[in-house]
């Protein structure tokens, strides 16, 4: 049996989108945008979506990617400082 140092199974992590409310001036200038806003905007985004990762003991792994790709979130989940929304 293989001994995994890291074993993530279908991990999802979501964060709420916090949109600052506009001030009165911004509201008046963009009133036309607020009036015709019919479709709902998403209230959350996924930093990790359905991630499965297995790393054997003794292996060396590097995590690379663009800004906002989820690297820090992945490392936080692995360390146990944050918990996934789904998966284990």
PDB file of N, CA and C in Angstrom:
ATOM      1  N   UNK A   1       0.838  -1.173   0.000  1.00  0.00           N
ATOM      2  CA  UNK A   1       0.000   0.000   0.000  1.00  0.00           C
ATOM      3  C   UNK A   1       0.889   1.244   0.000  1.00  0.00           C
ATOM      4  N   UNK A   2       0.515   2.207  -0.819  1.00  0.00           N
ATOM      5  CA  UNK A   2       1.303   3.423  -0.947  1.00  0.00           C
ATOM      6  C   UNK A   2       0.970   4.361   0.211  1.00  0.00           C
ATOM      7  N   UNK A   3       2.024   4.934   0.800  1.00  0.00           N
ATOM      8  CA  UNK A   3       1.850   5.873   1.907  1.00  0.00           C
ATOM      9  C   UNK A   3       1.946   7.298   1.354  1.00  0.00           C
ATOM     10  N   UNK A   4       0.824   8.017   1.381  1.00  0.00           N
ATOM     11  CA  UNK A   4       0.783   9.369   0.842  1.00  0.00           C
ATOM     12  C   UNK A   4       1.023  10.388   1.951  1.00  0.00           C
ATOM     13  N   UNK A   5       1.883  11.363   1.666  1.00  0.00           N
ATOM     14  CA  UNK A   5       2.089  12.475   2.592  1.00  0.00           C
ATOM     15  C   UNK A   5       0.951  13.482   2.441  1.00  0.00           C
ATOM     16  N   UNK A   6       0.474  13.639   1.216  1.00  0.00           N
ATOM     17  CA  UNK A   6      -0.650  14.533   0.917  1.00  0.00           C
ATOM     18  C   UNK A   6      -1.656  13.748   0.100  1.00  0.00           C
ATOM     19  N   UNK A   7      -2.897  13.738   0.536  1.00  0.00           N
ATOM     20  CA  UNK A   7      -3.948  13.016  -0.179  1.00  0.00           C
ATOM     21  C   UNK A   7      -5.225  13.857  -0.156  1.00  0.00           C
ATOM     22  N   UNK A   8      -5.475  14.560  -1.238  1.00  0.00           N
ATOM     23  CA  UNK A   8      -6.675  15.386  -1.378  1.00  0.00           C
ATOM     24  C   UNK A   8      -7.611  14.710  -2.365  1.00  0.00           C
ATOM     25  N   UNK A   9      -8.879  14.613  -1.996  1.00  0.00           N
ATOM     26  CA  UNK A   9      -9.846  13.911  -2.828  1.00  0.00           C
ATOM     27  C   UNK A   9     -11.042  14.811  -3.121  1.00  0.00           C
ATOM     28  N   UNK A  10     -11.131  15.279  -4.359  1.00  0.00           N
ATOM     29  CA  UNK A  10     -12.240  16.118  -4.831  1.00  0.00           C
ATOM     30  C   UNK A  10     -12.477  17.310  -3.904  1.00  0.00           C
ATOM     31  N   UNK A  11     -11.440  18.114  -3.707  1.00  0.00           N
ATOM     32  CA  UNK A  11     -11.494  19.263  -2.799  1.00  0.00           C
ATOM     33  C   UNK A  11     -12.016  20.490  -3.530  1.00  0.00           C
ATOM     34  N   UNK A  12     -12.969  21.170  -2.900  1.00  0.00           N
ATOM     35  CA  UNK A  12     -13.522  22.433  -3.372  1.00  0.00           C
ATOM     36  C   UNK A  12     -13.366  23.446  -2.252  1.00  0.00           C
ATOM     37  N   UNK A  13     -12.988  24.666  -2.592  1.00  0.00           N
ATOM     38  CA  UNK A  13     -12.943  25.748  -1.609  1.00  0.00           C
ATOM     39  C   UNK A  13     -13.571  26.977  -2.242  1.00  0.00           C
ATOM     40  N   UNK A  14     -14.615  27.498  -1.580  1.00  0.00           N
ATOM     41  CA  UNK A  14     -15.287  28.680  -2.103  1.00  0.00           C
ATOM     42  C   UNK A  14     -15.175  29.821  -1.108  1.00  0.00           C
ATOM     43  N   UNK A  15     -15.162  31.018  -1.647  1.00  0.00           N
ATOM     44  CA  UNK A  15     -15.126  32.234  -0.845  1.00  0.00           C
ATOM     45  C   UNK A  15     -16.275  33.132  -1.288  1.00  0.00           C
ATOM     46  N   UNK A  16     -16.854  33.869  -0.351  1.00  0.00           N
ATOM     47  CA  UNK A  16     -17.917  34.808  -0.742  1.00  0.00           C
ATOM     48  C   UNK A  16     -17.326  36.025  -1.443  1.00  0.00           C
ATOM     49  N   UNK A  17     -18.079  36.541  -2.404  1.00  0.00           N
ATOM     50  CA  UNK A  17     -17.694  37.801  -3.038  1.00  0.00           C
ATOM     51  C   UNK A  17     -18.277  38.928  -2.221  1.00  0.00           C
ATOM     52  N   UNK A  18     -17.449  39.814  -1.795  1.00  0.00           N
ATOM     53  CA  UNK A  18     -17.918  40.966  -1.028  1.00  0.00           C
ATOM     54  C   UNK A  18     -17.794  42.183  -1.914  1.00  0.00           C
ATOM     55  N   UNK A  19     -18.921  42.718  -2.260  1.00  0.00           N
ATOM     56  CA  UNK A  19     -18.925  43.879  -3.119  1.00  0.00           C
ATOM     57  C   UNK A  19     -19.224  45.106  -2.269  1.00  0.00           C
ATOM     58  N   UNK A  20     -18.326  46.062  -2.300  1.00  0.00           N
ATOM     59  CA  UNK A  20     -18.554  47.287  -1.549  1.00  0.00           C
ATOM     60  C   UNK A  20     -19.717  48.049  -2.161  1.00  0.00           C
ATOM     61  N   UNK A  21     -20.540  48.582  -1.316  1.00  0.00           N
ATOM     62  CA  UNK A  21     -21.667  49.370  -1.787  1.00  0.00           C
ATOM     63  C   UNK A  21     -21.164  50.716  -2.284  1.00  0.00           C
ATOM     64  N   UNK A  22     -21.687  51.183  -3.408  1.00  0.00           N
ATOM     65  CA  UNK A  22     -21.216  52.470  -3.934  1.00  0.00           C
ATOM     66  C   UNK A  22     -21.705  53.626  -3.073  1.00  0.00           C
ATOM     67  N   UNK A  23     -20.959  54.718  -3.111  1.00  0.00           N
ATOM     68  CA  UNK A  23     -21.400  55.934  -2.446  1.00  0.00           C
ATOM     69  C   UNK A  23     -22.501  56.590  -3.275  1.00  0.00           C
ATOM     70  N   UNK A  24     -23.045  57.661  -2.779  1.00  0.00           N
ATOM     71  CA  UNK A  24     -24.165  58.332  -3.446  1.00  0.00           C
ATOM     72  C   UNK A  24     -23.752  58.834  -4.828  1.00  0.00           C
ATOM     73  N   UNK A  25     -22.565  59.406  -4.937  1.00  0.00           N
ATOM     74  CA  UNK A  25     -22.105  59.938  -6.225  1.00  0.00           C
ATOM     75  C   UNK A  25     -21.972  58.814  -7.257  1.00  0.00           C
ATOM     76  N   UNK A  26     -21.326  57.721  -6.871  1.00  0.00           N
ATOM     77  CA  UNK A  26     -21.163  56.597  -7.793  1.00  0.00           C
ATOM     78  C   UNK A  26     -22.514  56.001  -8.173  1.00  0.00           C
ATOM     79  N   UNK A  27     -23.425  55.966  -7.217  1.00  0.00           N
ATOM     80  CA  UNK A  27     -24.759  55.436  -7.490  1.00  0.00           C
ATOM     81  C   UNK A  27     -25.476  56.301  -8.522  1.00  0.00           C
ATOM     82  N   UNK A  28     -25.417  57.610  -8.375  1.00  0.00           N
ATOM     83  CA  UNK A  28     -26.110  58.510  -9.304  1.00  0.00           C
ATOM     84  C   UNK A  28     -25.475  58.480 -10.694  1.00  0.00           C
ATOM     85  N   UNK A  29     -24.146  58.431 -10.740  1.00  0.00           N
ATOM     86  CA  UNK A  29     -23.467  58.405 -12.035  1.00  0.00           C
ATOM     87  C   UNK A  29     -23.777  57.110 -12.776  1.00  0.00           C
ATOM     88  N   UNK A  30     -23.864  56.017 -12.054  1.00  0.00           N
ATOM     89  CA  UNK A  30     -24.090  54.709 -12.669  1.00  0.00           C
ATOM     90  C   UNK A  30     -25.517  54.205 -12.468  1.00  0.00           C
ATOM     91  N   UNK A  31     -26.455  55.096 -12.290  1.00  0.00           N
ATOM     92  CA  UNK A  31     -27.844  54.709 -12.031  1.00  0.00           C
ATOM     93  C   UNK A  31     -28.408  53.836 -13.143  1.00  0.00           C
ATOM     94  N   UNK A  32     -28.055  54.153 -14.382  1.00  0.00           N
ATOM     95  CA  UNK A  32     -28.566  53.362 -15.505  1.00  0.00           C
ATOM     96  C   UNK A  32     -28.104  51.901 -15.424  1.00  0.00           C
ATOM     97  N   UNK A  33     -26.916  51.681 -14.914  1.00  0.00           N
ATOM     98  CA  UNK A  33     -26.427  50.293 -14.761  1.00  0.00           C
ATOM     99  C   UNK A  33     -27.196  49.552 -13.673  1.00  0.00           C
ATOM    100  N   UNK A  34     -27.508  50.250 -12.591  1.00  0.00           N
ATOM    101  CA  UNK A  34     -28.235  49.615 -11.491  1.00  0.00           C
ATOM    102  C   UNK A  34     -29.684  49.319 -11.886  1.00  0.00           C
ATOM    103  N   UNK A  35     -30.262  50.169 -12.726  1.00  0.00           N
ATOM    104  CA  UNK A  35     -31.667  50.006 -13.107  1.00  0.00           C
ATOM    105  C   UNK A  35     -31.868  48.814 -14.039  1.00  0.00           C
ATOM    106  N   UNK A  36     -30.945  48.591 -14.971  1.00  0.00           N
ATOM    107  CA  UNK A  36     -31.134  47.506 -15.930  1.00  0.00           C
ATOM    108  C   UNK A  36     -30.449  46.206 -15.507  1.00  0.00           C
ATOM    109  N   UNK A  37     -30.013  46.136 -14.294  1.00  0.00           N
ATOM    110  CA  UNK A  37     -29.357  44.936 -13.785  1.00  0.00           C
ATOM    111  C   UNK A  37     -30.423  43.893 -13.461  1.00  0.00           C
ATOM    112  N   UNK A  38     -30.640  42.975 -14.376  1.00  0.00           N
ATOM    113  CA  UNK A  38     -31.678  41.974 -14.169  1.00  0.00           C
ATOM    114  C   UNK A  38     -31.102  40.622 -13.791  1.00  0.00           C
ATOM    115  N   UNK A  39     -29.945  40.285 -14.333  1.00  0.00           N
ATOM    116  CA  UNK A  39     -29.394  38.983 -13.982  1.00  0.00           C
ATOM    117  C   UNK A  39     -28.584  39.084 -12.703  1.00  0.00           C
ATOM    118  N   UNK A  40     -28.652  38.027 -11.924  1.00  0.00           N
ATOM    119  CA  UNK A  40     -27.969  38.014 -10.635  1.00  0.00           C
ATOM    120  C   UNK A  40     -26.488  37.737 -10.834  1.00  0.00           C
ATOM    121  N   UNK A  41     -25.683  38.425 -10.056  1.00  0.00           N
ATOM    122  CA  UNK A  41     -24.250  38.184 -10.098  1.00  0.00           C
ATOM    123  C   UNK A  41     -23.915  37.092  -9.094  1.00  0.00           C
ATOM    124  N   UNK A  42     -22.890  36.307  -9.369  1.00  0.00           N
ATOM    125  CA  UNK A  42     -22.532  35.246  -8.415  1.00  0.00           C
ATOM    126  C   UNK A  42     -22.127  35.837  -7.068  1.00  0.00           C
ATOM    127  N   UNK A  43     -22.481  35.150  -6.010  1.00  0.00           N
ATOM    128  CA  UNK A  43     -22.175  35.625  -4.668  1.00  0.00           C
ATOM    129  C   UNK A  43     -20.929  34.952  -4.088  1.00  0.00           C
ATOM    130  N   UNK A  44     -20.308  34.056  -4.853  1.00  0.00           N
ATOM    131  CA  UNK A  44     -19.102  33.389  -4.372  1.00  0.00           C
ATOM    132  C   UNK A  44     -18.231  33.000  -5.563  1.00  0.00           C
ATOM    133  N   UNK A  45     -16.992  32.689  -5.283  1.00  0.00           N
ATOM    134  CA  UNK A  45     -16.114  32.152  -6.315  1.00  0.00           C
ATOM    135  C   UNK A  45     -15.350  30.980  -5.729  1.00  0.00           C
ATOM    136  N   UNK A  46     -14.917  30.095  -6.595  1.00  0.00           N
ATOM    137  CA  UNK A  46     -14.189  28.902  -6.163  1.00  0.00           C
ATOM    138  C   UNK A  46     -12.697  29.120  -6.373  1.00  0.00           C
ATOM    139  N   UNK A  47     -11.939  29.023  -5.288  1.00  0.00           N
ATOM    140  CA  UNK A  47     -10.488  29.097  -5.379  1.00  0.00           C
ATOM    141  C   UNK A  47      -9.925  27.744  -5.805  1.00  0.00           C
ATOM    142  N   UNK A  48     -10.580  26.662  -5.371  1.00  0.00           N
ATOM    143  CA  UNK A  48     -10.224  25.299  -5.783  1.00  0.00           C
ATOM    144  C   UNK A  48     -11.493  24.612  -6.250  1.00  0.00           C
ATOM    145  N   UNK A  49     -11.415  23.962  -7.405  1.00  0.00           N
ATOM    146  CA  UNK A  49     -12.578  23.259  -7.940  1.00  0.00           C
ATOM    147  C   UNK A  49     -12.202  21.807  -8.222  1.00  0.00           C
ATOM    148  N   UNK A  50     -12.806  20.900  -7.486  1.00  0.00           N
ATOM    149  CA  UNK A  50     -12.676  19.457  -7.731  1.00  0.00           C
ATOM    150  C   UNK A  50     -11.211  19.034  -7.905  1.00  0.00           C
ATOM    151  N   UNK A  51     -10.386  19.369  -6.936  1.00  0.00           N
ATOM    152  CA  UNK A  51      -8.961  19.076  -6.985  1.00  0.00           C
ATOM    153  C   UNK A  51      -8.675  17.738  -6.316  1.00  0.00           C
ATOM    154  N   UNK A  52      -8.004  16.863  -7.040  1.00  0.00           N
ATOM    155  CA  UNK A  52      -7.542  15.592  -6.485  1.00  0.00           C
ATOM    156  C   UNK A  52      -6.022  15.561  -6.634  1.00  0.00           C
ATOM    157  N   UNK A  53      -5.330  15.319  -5.526  1.00  0.00           N
ATOM    158  CA  UNK A  53      -3.870  15.353  -5.522  1.00  0.00           C
ATOM    159  C   UNK A  53      -3.350  14.311  -4.545  1.00  0.00           C
ATOM    160  N   UNK A  54      -2.379  13.519  -5.009  1.00  0.00           N
ATOM    161  CA  UNK A  54      -1.728  12.545  -4.136  1.00  0.00           C
ATOM    162  C   UNK A  54      -0.218  12.687  -4.294  1.00  0.00           C
ATOM    163  N   UNK A  55       0.447  12.899  -3.171  1.00  0.00           N
ATOM    164  CA  UNK A  55       1.902  13.040  -3.169  1.00  0.00           C
ATOM    165  C   UNK A  55       2.457  12.003  -2.210  1.00  0.00           C
ATOM    166  N   UNK A  56       3.342  11.155  -2.721  1.00  0.00           N
ATOM    167  CA  UNK A  56       3.939  10.115  -1.888  1.00  0.00           C
ATOM    168  C   UNK A  56       5.001  10.703  -0.973  1.00  0.00           C
ATOM    169  N   UNK A  57       5.221  10.022   0.137  1.00  0.00           N
ATOM    170  CA  UNK A  57       6.271  10.448   1.073  1.00  0.00           C
ATOM    171  C   UNK A  57       7.620  10.418   0.363  1.00  0.00           C
ATOM    172  N   UNK A  58       8.412  11.472   0.601  1.00  0.00           N
ATOM    173  CA  UNK A  58       9.736  11.552  -0.004  1.00  0.00           C
ATOM    174  C   UNK A  58       9.757  12.277  -1.341  1.00  0.00           C
ATOM    175  N   UNK A  59       8.604  12.501  -1.952  1.00  0.00           N
ATOM    176  CA  UNK A  59       8.554  13.222  -3.221  1.00  0.00           C
ATOM    177  C   UNK A  59       8.699  14.726  -2.986  1.00  0.00           C
ATOM    178  N   UNK A  60       9.223  15.417  -3.968  1.00  0.00           N
ATOM    179  CA  UNK A  60       9.376  16.870  -3.918  1.00  0.00           C
ATOM    180  C   UNK A  60       8.407  17.461  -4.928  1.00  0.00           C
ATOM    181  N   UNK A  61       7.611  18.427  -4.485  1.00  0.00           N
ATOM    182  CA  UNK A  61       6.577  19.007  -5.337  1.00  0.00           C
ATOM    183  C   UNK A  61       6.712  20.517  -5.335  1.00  0.00           C
ATOM    184  N   UNK A  62       6.538  21.115  -6.498  1.00  0.00           N
ATOM    185  CA  UNK A  62       6.502  22.575  -6.620  1.00  0.00           C
ATOM    186  C   UNK A  62       5.115  22.987  -7.074  1.00  0.00           C
ATOM    187  N   UNK A  63       4.650  24.101  -6.567  1.00  0.00           N
ATOM    188  CA  UNK A  63       3.338  24.612  -6.951  1.00  0.00           C
ATOM    189  C   UNK A  63       3.558  25.948  -7.643  1.00  0.00           C
ATOM    190  N   UNK A  64       3.216  25.998  -8.934  1.00  0.00           N
ATOM    191  CA  UNK A  64       3.390  27.224  -9.698  1.00  0.00           C
ATOM    192  C   UNK A  64       2.071  27.582 -10.373  1.00  0.00           C
ATOM    193  N   UNK A  65       1.914  28.841 -10.692  1.00  0.00           N
ATOM    194  CA  UNK A  65       0.708  29.296 -11.383  1.00  0.00           C
ATOM    195  C   UNK A  65       0.599  30.799 -11.334  1.00  0.00           C
ATOM    196  N   UNK A  66      -0.378  31.314 -12.047  1.00  0.00           N
ATOM    197  CA  UNK A  66      -0.610  32.754 -12.107  1.00  0.00           C
ATOM    198  C   UNK A  66      -1.188  33.264 -10.798  1.00  0.00           C
ATOM    199  N   UNK A  67      -1.247  34.588 -10.691  1.00  0.00           N
ATOM    200  CA  UNK A  67      -1.910  35.218  -9.553  1.00  0.00           C
ATOM    201  C   UNK A  67      -3.374  34.810  -9.537  1.00  0.00           C
ATOM    202  N   UNK A  68      -3.851  34.442  -8.370  1.00  0.00           N
ATOM    203  CA  UNK A  68      -5.250  34.056  -8.245  1.00  0.00           C
ATOM    204  C   UNK A  68      -5.554  32.638  -8.687  1.00  0.00           C
ATOM    205  N   UNK A  69      -4.534  31.835  -8.929  1.00  0.00           N
ATOM    206  CA  UNK A  69      -4.752  30.465  -9.403  1.00  0.00           C
ATOM    207  C   UNK A  69      -5.112  29.506  -8.273  1.00  0.00           C
ATOM    208  N   UNK A  70      -4.895  29.896  -7.006  1.00  0.00           N
ATOM    209  CA  UNK A  70      -5.250  29.040  -5.884  1.00  0.00           C
ATOM    210  C   UNK A  70      -4.081  28.384  -5.191  1.00  0.00           C
ATOM    211  N   UNK A  71      -2.878  28.857  -5.466  1.00  0.00           N
ATOM    212  CA  UNK A  71      -1.688  28.249  -4.856  1.00  0.00           C
ATOM    213  C   UNK A  71      -1.698  28.380  -3.331  1.00  0.00           C
ATOM    214  N   UNK A  72      -1.936  29.571  -2.838  1.00  0.00           N
ATOM    215  CA  UNK A  72      -1.954  29.787  -1.385  1.00  0.00           C
ATOM    216  C   UNK A  72      -3.116  29.055  -0.728  1.00  0.00           C
ATOM    217  N   UNK A  73      -4.244  29.016  -1.409  1.00  0.00           N
ATOM    218  CA  UNK A  73      -5.396  28.285  -0.876  1.00  0.00           C
ATOM    219  C   UNK A  73      -5.080  26.799  -0.798  1.00  0.00           C
ATOM    220  N   UNK A  74      -4.447  26.259  -1.822  1.00  0.00           N
ATOM    221  CA  UNK A  74      -4.047  24.845  -1.819  1.00  0.00           C
ATOM    222  C   UNK A  74      -3.121  24.552  -0.645  1.00  0.00           C
ATOM    223  N   UNK A  75      -2.117  25.388  -0.451  1.00  0.00           N
ATOM    224  CA  UNK A  75      -1.168  25.155   0.649  1.00  0.00           C
ATOM    225  C   UNK A  75      -1.846  25.300   2.007  1.00  0.00           C
ATOM    226  N   UNK A  76      -2.790  26.220   2.115  1.00  0.00           N
ATOM    227  CA  UNK A  76      -3.521  26.378   3.381  1.00  0.00           C
ATOM    228  C   UNK A  76      -4.393  25.168   3.680  1.00  0.00           C
ATOM    229  N   UNK A  77      -4.992  24.593   2.655  1.00  0.00           N
ATOM    230  CA  UNK A  77      -5.801  23.379   2.845  1.00  0.00           C
ATOM    231  C   UNK A  77      -4.905  22.217   3.256  1.00  0.00           C
ATOM    232  N   UNK A  78      -3.752  22.089   2.609  1.00  0.00           N
ATOM    233  CA  UNK A  78      -2.817  21.004   2.940  1.00  0.00           C
ATOM    234  C   UNK A  78      -2.325  21.150   4.383  1.00  0.00           C
ATOM    235  N   UNK A  79      -2.034  22.377   4.810  1.00  0.00           N
ATOM    236  CA  UNK A  79      -1.562  22.610   6.176  1.00  0.00           C
ATOM    237  C   UNK A  79      -2.668  22.486   7.223  1.00  0.00           C
ATOM    238  N   UNK A  80      -3.911  22.595   6.775  1.00  0.00           N
ATOM    239  CA  UNK A  80      -5.031  22.475   7.707  1.00  0.00           C
ATOM    240  C   UNK A  80      -5.417  23.781   8.363  1.00  0.00           C
ATOM    241  N   UNK A  81      -4.930  24.907   7.844  1.00  0.00           N
ATOM    242  CA  UNK A  81      -5.303  26.201   8.410  1.00  0.00           C
ATOM    243  C   UNK A  81      -6.675  26.659   7.930  1.00  0.00           C
ATOM    244  N   UNK A  82      -7.106  26.149   6.766  1.00  0.00           N
ATOM    245  CA  UNK A  82      -8.476  26.350   6.299  1.00  0.00           C
ATOM    246  C   UNK A  82      -9.018  24.994   5.877  1.00  0.00           C
ATOM    247  N   UNK A  83     -10.333  24.880   5.877  1.00  0.00           N
ATOM    248  CA  UNK A  83     -10.966  23.611   5.543  1.00  0.00           C
ATOM    249  C   UNK A  83     -11.723  23.718   4.231  1.00  0.00           C
ATOM    250  N   UNK A  84     -11.738  22.650   3.453  1.00  0.00           N
ATOM    251  CA  UNK A  84     -12.447  22.705   2.170  1.00  0.00           C
ATOM    252  C   UNK A  84     -13.968  22.730   2.370  1.00  0.00           C
ATOM    253  N   UNK A  85     -14.655  23.298   1.387  1.00  0.00           N
ATOM    254  CA  UNK A  85     -16.114  23.315   1.400  1.00  0.00           C
ATOM    255  C   UNK A  85     -16.663  21.927   1.088  1.00  0.00           C
ATOM    256  N   UNK A  86     -15.985  21.226   0.183  1.00  0.00           N
ATOM    257  CA  UNK A  86     -16.349  19.844  -0.169  1.00  0.00           C
ATOM    258  C   UNK A  86     -15.068  19.038  -0.283  1.00  0.00           C
ATOM    259  N   UNK A  87     -15.200  17.757  -0.207  1.00  0.00           N
ATOM    260  CA  UNK A  87     -14.052  16.858  -0.357  1.00  0.00           C
ATOM    261  C   UNK A  87     -13.346  16.614   0.961  1.00  0.00           C
ATOM    262  N   UNK A  88     -12.249  15.857   0.859  1.00  0.00           N
ATOM    263  CA  UNK A  88     -11.468  15.545   2.059  1.00  0.00           C
ATOM    264  C   UNK A  88      -9.991  15.530   1.746  1.00  0.00           C
TER     265      UNK A  88
END
